[in-house]
Amino acid sequence: MIESTDQGVGRIMDKLDELGITDNTVVFFFSDNGGVKGITSNEPLRGGKGMLYEGGIREPMLVRWPGRTAPNSTCDAPVIGLDFYPTILEITGTKKPQGHILDGQSIVTLLNKENSTFDIQPSSAGFQSIPAVGGSKFDKRAIFWHFPAYLQGKAEGARDTYFRTRPGAAVRMGNFKLIEYFEDGDLELYNLKDDISEQKNLAFRQVSIILWSSAVFSGISSARFFCSDISSFRL
């Protein structure tokens, strides 16, 4: 599959060269979900396609914008597919249709090599990404995934033995990610900076984060969470 994808992308890039429009074309390479468990490994990420864990929703993205993006640079700011439409509007100088609501944000500032790329620098631990100022607003915004449905097929990393996922939603802001399952109101909270594999559920340890995240969640759910004591939450 990787070889076939590489060949397909190569044909597109060759055609851009053939038409003489390479320097005037922005190329986005993206995926709609993580790898399917049993076919590939997403380690150290938990789960895979069809799950709200990082193995199901975190994918790499590549962008080539001649003269704007810096070759071989990286960026750690979280973005989502909804950001493409406002980004393309800005790149092309197209006005947003009147009355049209944009669910995403333009990521043009992240793509500009002069103020928002991430340079790879050596450190005592190997190599690390040094973020520039341009990504700060993206690090602080909330990103949502809403999946109010059942998806059959037991897979490694799932929370039960019958479904890859049950009706639920997830929100990420900064390093924290909260998952809510609608059937029973179960909450899972992870600090992705310290626990990229989502093994340590902090839902009953970080009261202030839970209450804050629940307020953010109210944007996609009518649920309200209440804290009866430090180790008990209920709908």
C-alpha atoms as a PDB file:
ATOM      1  CA  MET A   1       0.000   0.000   0.000  1.00  0.00           C
ATOM      2  CA  ILE A   2       2.802   2.431   0.845  1.00  0.00           C
ATOM      3  CA  GLU A   3       4.533   1.672  -2.442  1.00  0.00           C
ATOM      4  CA  SER A   4       1.285   2.189  -4.357  1.00  0.00           C
ATOM      5  CA  THR A   5       0.589   5.463  -2.531  1.00  0.00           C
ATOM      6  CA  ASP A   6       4.112   6.660  -3.273  1.00  0.00           C
ATOM      7  CA  GLN A   7       3.661   5.856  -6.951  1.00  0.00           C
ATOM      8  CA  GLY A   8       0.283   7.624  -7.065  1.00  0.00           C
ATOM      9  CA  VAL A   9       1.575  10.764  -5.397  1.00  0.00           C
ATOM     10  CA  GLY A  10       4.594  10.671  -7.697  1.00  0.00           C
ATOM     11  CA  ARG A  11       2.341  10.616 -10.771  1.00  0.00           C
ATOM     12  CA  ILE A  12       0.494  13.690  -9.490  1.00  0.00           C
ATOM     13  CA  MET A  13       3.721  15.557  -8.807  1.00  0.00           C
ATOM     14  CA  ASP A  14       5.107  14.596 -12.211  1.00  0.00           C
ATOM     15  CA  LYS A  15       1.944  15.873 -13.891  1.00  0.00           C
ATOM     16  CA  LEU A  16       2.275  19.227 -12.103  1.00  0.00           C
ATOM     17  CA  ASP A  17       5.824  19.488 -13.490  1.00  0.00           C
ATOM     18  CA  GLU A  18       4.638  18.490 -16.946  1.00  0.00           C
ATOM     19  CA  LEU A  19       1.949  21.190 -16.921  1.00  0.00           C
ATOM     20  CA  GLY A  20       4.391  23.788 -15.600  1.00  0.00           C
ATOM     21  CA  ILE A  21       2.251  24.662 -12.569  1.00  0.00           C
ATOM     22  CA  THR A  22       4.325  23.165  -9.761  1.00  0.00           C
ATOM     23  CA  ASP A  23       5.395  26.528  -8.343  1.00  0.00           C
ATOM     24  CA  ASN A  24       1.807  27.762  -8.358  1.00  0.00           C
ATOM     25  CA  THR A  25       0.218  24.712  -6.681  1.00  0.00           C
ATOM     26  CA  VAL A  26      -0.232  23.867  -3.009  1.00  0.00           C
ATOM     27  CA  VAL A  27      -0.234  20.130  -2.296  1.00  0.00           C
ATOM     28  CA  PHE A  28      -1.850  18.673   0.856  1.00  0.00           C
ATOM     29  CA  PHE A  29      -1.272  15.035   1.798  1.00  0.00           C
ATOM     30  CA  PHE A  30      -3.575  13.876   4.556  1.00  0.00           C
ATOM     31  CA  SER A  31      -5.532  10.874   5.871  1.00  0.00           C
ATOM     32  CA  ASP A  32      -9.050  10.665   7.287  1.00  0.00           C
ATOM     33  CA  ASN A  33      -8.171   8.151  10.007  1.00  0.00           C
ATOM     34  CA  GLY A  34      -5.420   6.103  11.564  1.00  0.00           C
ATOM     35  CA  GLY A  35      -4.299   2.694  10.390  1.00  0.00           C
ATOM     36  CA  VAL A  36      -6.572  -0.355  10.627  1.00  0.00           C
ATOM     37  CA  LYS A  37      -5.569  -2.617  13.514  1.00  0.00           C
ATOM     38  CA  GLY A  38      -4.542  -6.063  12.372  1.00  0.00           C
ATOM     39  CA  ILE A  39      -3.170  -4.688   9.126  1.00  0.00           C
ATOM     40  CA  THR A  40      -0.731  -2.151  10.509  1.00  0.00           C
ATOM     41  CA  SER A  41       0.646  -0.940  13.822  1.00  0.00           C
ATOM     42  CA  ASN A  42       0.071   2.558  15.161  1.00  0.00           C
ATOM     43  CA  GLU A  43       2.323   2.121  18.188  1.00  0.00           C
ATOM     44  CA  PRO A  44       2.954   3.874  20.468  1.00  0.00           C
ATOM     45  CA  LEU A  45      -0.554   5.251  19.792  1.00  0.00           C
ATOM     46  CA  ARG A  46      -3.493   3.318  21.222  1.00  0.00           C
ATOM     47  CA  GLY A  47      -6.137   1.814  18.935  1.00  0.00           C
ATOM     48  CA  GLY A  48      -6.728   2.428  15.266  1.00  0.00           C
ATOM     49  CA  LYS A  49      -9.303   3.322  12.634  1.00  0.00           C
ATOM     50  CA  GLY A  50     -12.785   3.769  14.084  1.00  0.00           C
ATOM     51  CA  MET A  51     -11.650   4.662  17.613  1.00  0.00           C
ATOM     52  CA  LEU A  52     -11.463   7.956  19.448  1.00  0.00           C
ATOM     53  CA  TYR A  53      -8.017   7.066  20.766  1.00  0.00           C
ATOM     54  CA  GLU A  54      -4.982   8.634  19.119  1.00  0.00           C
ATOM     55  CA  GLY A  55      -4.391   5.616  16.899  1.00  0.00           C
ATOM     56  CA  GLY A  56      -7.722   6.326  15.254  1.00  0.00           C
ATOM     57  CA  ILE A  57      -7.671  10.099  14.903  1.00  0.00           C
ATOM     58  CA  ARG A  58      -4.025  11.218  14.760  1.00  0.00           C
ATOM     59  CA  GLU A  59      -2.445  11.185  11.306  1.00  0.00           C
ATOM     60  CA  PRO A  60       0.577  12.819   9.710  1.00  0.00           C
ATOM     61  CA  MET A  61       0.032  15.619   7.228  1.00  0.00           C
ATOM     62  CA  LEU A  62       2.397  16.872   4.538  1.00  0.00           C
ATOM     63  CA  VAL A  63       2.135  20.230   2.784  1.00  0.00           C
ATOM     64  CA  ARG A  64       4.179  21.567  -0.103  1.00  0.00           C
ATOM     65  CA  TRP A  65       3.690  25.225  -0.918  1.00  0.00           C
ATOM     66  CA  PRO A  66       6.608  26.454  -3.057  1.00  0.00           C
ATOM     67  CA  GLY A  67       8.105  29.641  -1.666  1.00  0.00           C
ATOM     68  CA  ARG A  68       6.023  29.502   1.519  1.00  0.00           C
ATOM     69  CA  THR A  69       6.668  26.251   3.385  1.00  0.00           C
ATOM     70  CA  ALA A  70      10.246  25.454   4.366  1.00  0.00           C
ATOM     71  CA  PRO A  71      11.449  22.085   3.038  1.00  0.00           C
ATOM     72  CA  ASN A  72      12.084  19.455   5.758  1.00  0.00           C
ATOM     73  CA  SER A  73      10.492  21.610   8.476  1.00  0.00           C
ATOM     74  CA  THR A  74       7.968  20.241  10.959  1.00  0.00           C
ATOM     75  CA  CYS A  75       5.087  21.674  13.006  1.00  0.00           C
ATOM     76  CA  ASP A  76       3.553  20.205  16.144  1.00  0.00           C
ATOM     77  CA  ALA A  77       0.399  22.353  16.278  1.00  0.00           C
ATOM     78  CA  PRO A  78      -2.751  20.174  16.096  1.00  0.00           C
ATOM     79  CA  VAL A  79      -4.918  20.784  13.026  1.00  0.00           C
ATOM     80  CA  ILE A  80      -7.997  19.021  11.639  1.00  0.00           C
ATOM     81  CA  GLY A  81      -9.576  18.385   8.229  1.00  0.00           C
ATOM     82  CA  LEU A  82     -12.103  21.164   8.851  1.00  0.00           C
ATOM     83  CA  ASP A  83      -9.197  23.622   8.591  1.00  0.00           C
ATOM     84  CA  PHE A  84      -8.649  22.928   4.890  1.00  0.00           C
ATOM     85  CA  TYR A  85     -11.600  24.938   3.575  1.00  0.00           C
ATOM     86  CA  PRO A  86     -10.764  28.230   5.351  1.00  0.00           C
ATOM     87  CA  THR A  87      -7.087  27.668   4.515  1.00  0.00           C
ATOM     88  CA  ILE A  88      -7.783  27.303   0.804  1.00  0.00           C
ATOM     89  CA  LEU A  89     -10.048  30.360   0.909  1.00  0.00           C
ATOM     90  CA  GLU A  90      -7.181  32.422   2.316  1.00  0.00           C
ATOM     91  CA  ILE A  91      -4.568  30.981  -0.040  1.00  0.00           C
ATOM     92  CA  THR A  92      -6.699  31.764  -3.090  1.00  0.00           C
ATOM     93  CA  GLY A  93      -7.923  35.117  -1.795  1.00  0.00           C
ATOM     94  CA  THR A  94     -11.525  33.914  -2.012  1.00  0.00           C
ATOM     95  CA  LYS A  95     -14.128  35.524   0.222  1.00  0.00           C
ATOM     96  CA  LYS A  96     -16.183  33.319   2.491  1.00  0.00           C
ATOM     97  CA  PRO A  97     -19.750  32.895   1.161  1.00  0.00           C
ATOM     98  CA  GLN A  98     -22.098  35.271   2.940  1.00  0.00           C
ATOM     99  CA  GLY A  99     -23.730  33.704   5.970  1.00  0.00           C
ATOM    100  CA  HIS A 100     -21.532  30.601   5.723  1.00  0.00           C
ATOM    101  CA  ILE A 101     -20.140  29.337   9.034  1.00  0.00           C
ATOM    102  CA  LEU A 102     -16.557  28.060   8.990  1.00  0.00           C
ATOM    103  CA  ASP A 103     -16.003  25.243  11.465  1.00  0.00           C
ATOM    104  CA  GLY A 104     -12.232  25.255  11.021  1.00  0.00           C
ATOM    105  CA  GLN A 105      -9.468  27.852  11.022  1.00  0.00           C
ATOM    106  CA  SER A 106      -7.021  28.825   8.330  1.00  0.00           C
ATOM    107  CA  ILE A 107      -3.579  27.324   8.982  1.00  0.00           C
ATOM    108  CA  VAL A 108      -1.767  29.674   6.597  1.00  0.00           C
ATOM    109  CA  THR A 109       0.202  31.165   9.492  1.00  0.00           C
ATOM    110  CA  LEU A 110       1.525  27.689  10.314  1.00  0.00           C
ATOM    111  CA  LEU A 111       2.689  27.202   6.735  1.00  0.00           C
ATOM    112  CA  ASN A 112       4.599  30.474   6.373  1.00  0.00           C
ATOM    113  CA  LYS A 113       8.233  29.544   6.763  1.00  0.00           C
ATOM    114  CA  GLU A 114       9.288  32.960   8.063  1.00  0.00           C
ATOM    115  CA  ASN A 115       7.146  32.951  11.193  1.00  0.00           C
ATOM    116  CA  SER A 116       5.513  29.662  11.999  1.00  0.00           C
ATOM    117  CA  THR A 117       7.546  26.614  11.034  1.00  0.00           C
ATOM    118  CA  PHE A 118       9.152  24.325  13.572  1.00  0.00           C
ATOM    119  CA  ASP A 119      12.882  23.858  13.300  1.00  0.00           C
ATOM    120  CA  ILE A 120      14.457  20.543  14.261  1.00  0.00           C
ATOM    121  CA  GLN A 121      17.230  21.173  16.769  1.00  0.00           C
ATOM    122  CA  PRO A 122      19.586  18.718  18.519  1.00  0.00           C
ATOM    123  CA  SER A 123      19.200  18.262  22.279  1.00  0.00           C
ATOM    124  CA  SER A 124      20.621  16.028  24.987  1.00  0.00           C
ATOM    125  CA  ALA A 125      17.700  13.627  24.372  1.00  0.00           C
ATOM    126  CA  GLY A 126      18.242  13.498  20.629  1.00  0.00           C
ATOM    127  CA  PHE A 127      16.202  15.870  18.490  1.00  0.00           C
ATOM    128  CA  GLN A 128      13.331  18.097  19.490  1.00  0.00           C
ATOM    129  CA  SER A 129      10.896  20.427  17.752  1.00  0.00           C
ATOM    130  CA  ILE A 130      11.242  24.114  18.616  1.00  0.00           C
ATOM    131  CA  PRO A 131       7.841  25.786  18.073  1.00  0.00           C
ATOM    132  CA  ALA A 132       7.606  29.293  16.680  1.00  0.00           C
ATOM    133  CA  VAL A 133       5.033  31.867  17.737  1.00  0.00           C
ATOM    134  CA  GLY A 134       2.691  31.172  14.843  1.00  0.00           C
ATOM    135  CA  GLY A 135       1.333  27.954  16.330  1.00  0.00           C
ATOM    136  CA  SER A 136       0.354  29.283  19.756  1.00  0.00           C
ATOM    137  CA  LYS A 137      -3.324  29.997  18.968  1.00  0.00           C
ATOM    138  CA  PHE A 138      -3.729  26.505  17.554  1.00  0.00           C
ATOM    139  CA  ASP A 139      -2.231  24.919  20.659  1.00  0.00           C
ATOM    140  CA  LYS A 140      -4.896  26.595  22.819  1.00  0.00           C
ATOM    141  CA  ARG A 141      -8.038  25.981  20.782  1.00  0.00           C
ATOM    142  CA  ALA A 142     -10.418  23.053  21.292  1.00  0.00           C
ATOM    143  CA  ILE A 143     -10.666  20.385  18.581  1.00  0.00           C
ATOM    144  CA  PHE A 144     -13.686  18.050  18.543  1.00  0.00           C
ATOM    145  CA  TRP A 145     -14.471  14.568  17.257  1.00  0.00           C
ATOM    146  CA  HIS A 146     -18.139  13.520  17.424  1.00  0.00           C
ATOM    147  CA  PHE A 147     -19.126   9.911  16.707  1.00  0.00           C
ATOM    148  CA  PRO A 148     -22.667   9.146  17.994  1.00  0.00           C
ATOM    149  CA  ALA A 149     -22.765   5.637  16.545  1.00  0.00           C
ATOM    150  CA  TYR A 150     -21.658   2.049  17.022  1.00  0.00           C
ATOM    151  CA  LEU A 151     -18.780   0.604  15.025  1.00  0.00           C
ATOM    152  CA  GLN A 152     -18.536  -3.158  15.145  1.00  0.00           C
ATOM    153  CA  GLY A 153     -15.371  -5.157  15.031  1.00  0.00           C
ATOM    154  CA  LYS A 154     -13.279  -5.901  18.086  1.00  0.00           C
ATOM    155  CA  ALA A 155      -9.751  -4.528  17.753  1.00  0.00           C
ATOM    156  CA  GLU A 156      -6.730  -4.225  19.985  1.00  0.00           C
ATOM    157  CA  GLY A 157      -6.902  -1.055  22.061  1.00  0.00           C
ATOM    158  CA  ALA A 158     -10.704  -0.845  22.150  1.00  0.00           C
ATOM    159  CA  ARG A 159     -12.441  -0.353  25.514  1.00  0.00           C
ATOM    160  CA  ASP A 160     -14.781  -3.395  25.198  1.00  0.00           C
ATOM    161  CA  THR A 161     -15.020  -6.755  23.464  1.00  0.00           C
ATOM    162  CA  TYR A 162     -17.893  -6.000  21.059  1.00  0.00           C
ATOM    163  CA  PHE A 163     -17.248  -2.685  19.355  1.00  0.00           C
ATOM    164  CA  ARG A 164     -14.296  -0.705  18.145  1.00  0.00           C
ATOM    165  CA  THR A 165     -16.152   2.269  19.538  1.00  0.00           C
ATOM    166  CA  ARG A 166     -19.535   3.132  21.008  1.00  0.00           C
ATOM    167  CA  PRO A 167     -21.378   6.466  20.732  1.00  0.00           C
ATOM    168  CA  GLY A 168     -19.100   9.154  22.078  1.00  0.00           C
ATOM    169  CA  ALA A 169     -17.052  12.249  21.463  1.00  0.00           C
ATOM    170  CA  ALA A 170     -13.614  13.591  22.219  1.00  0.00           C
ATOM    171  CA  VAL A 171     -12.181  17.050  22.709  1.00  0.00           C
ATOM    172  CA  ARG A 172      -8.548  18.116  22.820  1.00  0.00           C
ATOM    173  CA  MET A 173      -7.200  21.396  24.088  1.00  0.00           C
ATOM    174  CA  GLY A 174      -3.490  21.799  24.659  1.00  0.00           C
ATOM    175  CA  ASN A 175      -2.005  18.587  26.015  1.00  0.00           C
ATOM    176  CA  PHE A 176      -5.264  17.307  27.481  1.00  0.00           C
ATOM    177  CA  LYS A 177      -7.827  15.121  25.730  1.00  0.00           C
ATOM    178  CA  LEU A 178     -11.207  14.163  27.165  1.00  0.00           C
ATOM    179  CA  ILE A 179     -13.421  11.345  25.874  1.00  0.00           C
ATOM    180  CA  GLU A 180     -17.089  10.957  26.848  1.00  0.00           C
ATOM    181  CA  TYR A 181     -19.133   7.826  26.098  1.00  0.00           C
ATOM    182  CA  PHE A 182     -22.817   8.670  25.741  1.00  0.00           C
ATOM    183  CA  GLU A 183     -24.305   5.341  26.909  1.00  0.00           C
ATOM    184  CA  ASP A 184     -23.075   5.536  30.475  1.00  0.00           C
ATOM    185  CA  GLY A 185     -21.394   8.934  30.712  1.00  0.00           C
ATOM    186  CA  ASP A 186     -17.983   7.386  31.278  1.00  0.00           C
ATOM    187  CA  LEU A 187     -15.134   9.866  31.043  1.00  0.00           C
ATOM    188  CA  GLU A 188     -11.511   9.298  30.087  1.00  0.00           C
ATOM    189  CA  LEU A 189      -8.948  12.069  30.432  1.00  0.00           C
ATOM    190  CA  TYR A 190      -5.380  11.827  29.154  1.00  0.00           C
ATOM    191  CA  ASN A 191      -2.349  14.085  29.202  1.00  0.00           C
ATOM    192  CA  LEU A 192      -0.993  13.377  25.731  1.00  0.00           C
ATOM    193  CA  LYS A 193       2.314  15.057  26.470  1.00  0.00           C
ATOM    194  CA  ASP A 194       3.102  12.567  29.236  1.00  0.00           C
ATOM    195  CA  ASP A 195       0.953   9.639  28.090  1.00  0.00           C
ATOM    196  CA  ILE A 196       0.795   9.442  24.297  1.00  0.00           C
ATOM    197  CA  SER A 197      -0.386   5.804  24.562  1.00  0.00           C
ATOM    198  CA  GLU A 198      -3.445   6.824  26.633  1.00  0.00           C
ATOM    199  CA  GLN A 199      -2.924   4.307  29.422  1.00  0.00           C
ATOM    200  CA  LYS A 200      -3.417   6.555  32.475  1.00  0.00           C
ATOM    201  CA  ASN A 201      -6.992   7.783  32.829  1.00  0.00           C
ATOM    202  CA  LEU A 202      -6.864  10.987  34.891  1.00  0.00           C
ATOM    203  CA  ALA A 203     -10.630  11.527  34.956  1.00  0.00           C
ATOM    204  CA  PHE A 204     -10.912  11.039  38.705  1.00  0.00           C
ATOM    205  CA  ARG A 205      -7.687  12.789  39.612  1.00  0.00           C
ATOM    206  CA  GLN A 206      -7.851  16.110  37.809  1.00  0.00           C
ATOM    207  CA  VAL A 207     -11.097  17.712  38.947  1.00  0.00           C
ATOM    208  CA  SER A 208     -10.382  21.185  37.600  1.00  0.00           C
ATOM    209  CA  ILE A 209      -9.437  19.849  34.156  1.00  0.00           C
ATOM    210  CA  ILE A 210     -12.551  17.660  34.010  1.00  0.00           C
ATOM    211  CA  LEU A 211     -14.868  20.529  34.875  1.00  0.00           C
ATOM    212  CA  TRP A 212     -13.156  22.793  32.348  1.00  0.00           C
ATOM    213  CA  SER A 213     -13.281  20.154  29.626  1.00  0.00           C
ATOM    214  CA  SER A 214     -16.920  19.409  30.376  1.00  0.00           C
ATOM    215  CA  ALA A 215     -17.727  23.053  29.806  1.00  0.00           C
ATOM    216  CA  VAL A 216     -15.980  22.847  26.441  1.00  0.00           C
ATOM    217  CA  PHE A 217     -17.907  19.661  25.654  1.00  0.00           C
ATOM    218  CA  SER A 218     -21.205  21.484  26.115  1.00  0.00           C
ATOM    219  CA  GLY A 219     -20.666  22.865  22.631  1.00  0.00           C
ATOM    220  CA  ILE A 220     -21.506  19.455  21.107  1.00  0.00           C
ATOM    221  CA  SER A 221     -23.485  17.787  23.871  1.00  0.00           C
ATOM    222  CA  SER A 222     -26.342  18.775  26.143  1.00  0.00           C
ATOM    223  CA  ALA A 223     -24.670  16.901  28.970  1.00  0.00           C
ATOM    224  CA  ARG A 224     -23.542  18.767  32.067  1.00  0.00           C
ATOM    225  CA  PHE A 225     -21.171  17.207  34.536  1.00  0.00           C
ATOM    226  CA  PHE A 226     -21.275  17.699  38.271  1.00  0.00           C
ATOM    227  CA  CYS A 227     -18.627  16.938  40.862  1.00  0.00           C
ATOM    228  CA  SER A 228     -20.092  15.399  44.027  1.00  0.00           C
ATOM    229  CA  ASP A 229     -16.665  14.719  45.512  1.00  0.00           C
ATOM    230  CA  ILE A 230     -13.098  14.360  44.313  1.00  0.00           C
ATOM    231  CA  SER A 231     -13.562  10.794  43.070  1.00  0.00           C
ATOM    232  CA  SER A 232     -17.156  10.725  41.852  1.00  0.00           C
ATOM    233  CA  PHE A 233     -18.705  12.223  38.738  1.00  0.00           C
ATOM    234  CA  ARG A 234     -22.217  11.750  37.383  1.00  0.00           C
ATOM    235  CA  LEU A 235     -24.439  13.091  34.604  1.00  0.00           C
END
